[in-house]
Protein backbone atom coordinates (compact mmCIF):
# COMPACT_ATOMS: atom_id res chain seq x y z
CA UNK A 1 125.73 96.63 88.25
CA UNK A 2 125.98 100.14 89.24
CA UNK A 3 126.19 102.64 86.31
CA UNK A 4 128.16 105.85 86.50
CA UNK A 5 126.41 108.74 88.03
CA UNK A 6 126.94 111.94 85.90
CA UNK A 7 124.67 114.38 88.04
CA UNK A 8 122.79 113.74 91.28
CA UNK A 9 120.29 116.10 92.65
CA UNK A 10 118.26 115.94 95.79
CA UNK A 11 114.59 117.30 96.71
CA UNK A 12 113.72 116.96 100.39
CA UNK A 13 109.70 117.56 101.29
CA UNK A 14 107.95 116.92 104.25
CA UNK A 15 106.68 113.48 103.45
CA UNK A 16 109.01 112.25 100.91
CA UNK A 17 112.60 112.76 99.36
CA UNK A 18 112.93 112.73 95.44
CA UNK A 19 116.47 112.03 93.91
CA UNK A 20 117.01 112.81 90.56
CA UNK A 21 120.21 110.97 89.07
CA UNK A 22 121.58 111.24 85.54
CA UNK A 23 123.30 108.02 84.84
CA UNK A 24 125.23 106.77 81.69
CA UNK A 25 124.46 103.37 79.90
CA UNK A 26 127.13 100.89 79.18
CA UNK A 27 126.78 102.27 75.77
CA UNK A 28 127.62 105.79 76.95
CA UNK A 29 123.88 107.15 76.61
CA UNK A 30 122.53 109.20 79.29
CA UNK A 31 119.13 108.55 81.38
CA UNK A 32 117.37 109.71 84.40
CA UNK A 33 116.70 107.83 87.33
CA UNK A 34 114.09 109.42 89.36
CA UNK A 35 113.33 108.02 92.67
CA UNK A 36 111.02 108.84 95.59
CA UNK A 37 111.43 107.49 99.03
CA UNK A 38 109.21 107.84 101.83
CA UNK A 39 108.90 106.22 105.59
CA UNK A 40 106.30 103.56 105.63
CA UNK A 41 103.23 104.36 107.94
CA UNK A 42 103.30 101.91 110.70
CA UNK A 43 106.40 100.03 109.67
CA UNK A 44 109.89 100.48 110.11
CA UNK A 45 111.97 101.41 106.95
CA UNK A 46 111.44 103.32 103.43
CA UNK A 47 109.50 102.52 100.45
CA UNK A 48 111.38 103.42 97.49
CA UNK A 49 109.84 103.78 93.89
CA UNK A 50 111.83 104.65 90.54
CA UNK A 51 111.30 105.70 87.28
CA UNK A 52 113.86 105.37 84.33
CA UNK A 53 113.58 107.91 81.82
CA UNK A 54 115.84 107.45 78.74
CA UNK A 55 117.34 110.50 76.56
CA UNK A 56 114.84 109.86 73.31
CA UNK A 57 111.74 109.88 75.56
CA UNK A 58 112.86 113.02 77.57
CA UNK A 59 111.16 115.74 75.28
CA UNK A 60 107.68 114.52 74.89
CA UNK A 61 107.90 113.39 78.61
CA UNK A 62 108.99 117.14 79.53
CA UNK A 63 106.33 118.59 77.26
CA UNK A 64 103.57 116.30 78.87
CA UNK A 65 104.92 116.60 82.60
CA UNK A 66 104.87 120.61 81.77
CA UNK A 67 101.25 120.56 80.55
CA UNK A 68 99.93 118.26 83.66
CA UNK A 69 101.98 120.16 86.19
CA UNK A 70 100.35 123.55 84.38
CA UNK A 71 96.70 122.20 85.01
CA UNK A 72 97.32 121.41 88.49
CA UNK A 73 98.63 124.69 89.15
CA UNK A 74 95.46 126.07 87.75
CA UNK A 75 93.39 123.94 89.17
CA UNK A 76 90.75 125.73 91.53
CA UNK A 77 89.17 122.40 93.13
CA UNK A 78 91.76 122.25 95.67
CA UNK A 79 91.15 118.35 95.64
CA UNK A 80 94.27 116.01 95.27
CA UNK A 81 94.74 113.01 93.10
CA UNK A 82 95.76 110.01 94.94
């Protein structure tokens, strides 16, 4: 069953598209669905992966995300993590 979408944003990059959808649960609580979509190599179609983030977990999630993104930005190695 589809949930009510409260807010929806999209980020297009060279190789992927990210969707940020705030939805409302059946109890009226908001939650975030982050979905990445990318074209499959050597195949037709797209791959989609989603992460659900609930309101109670958002502050700690944001704190840790900010920390690791800060570390990525401060990295001088130029290496990427796969």
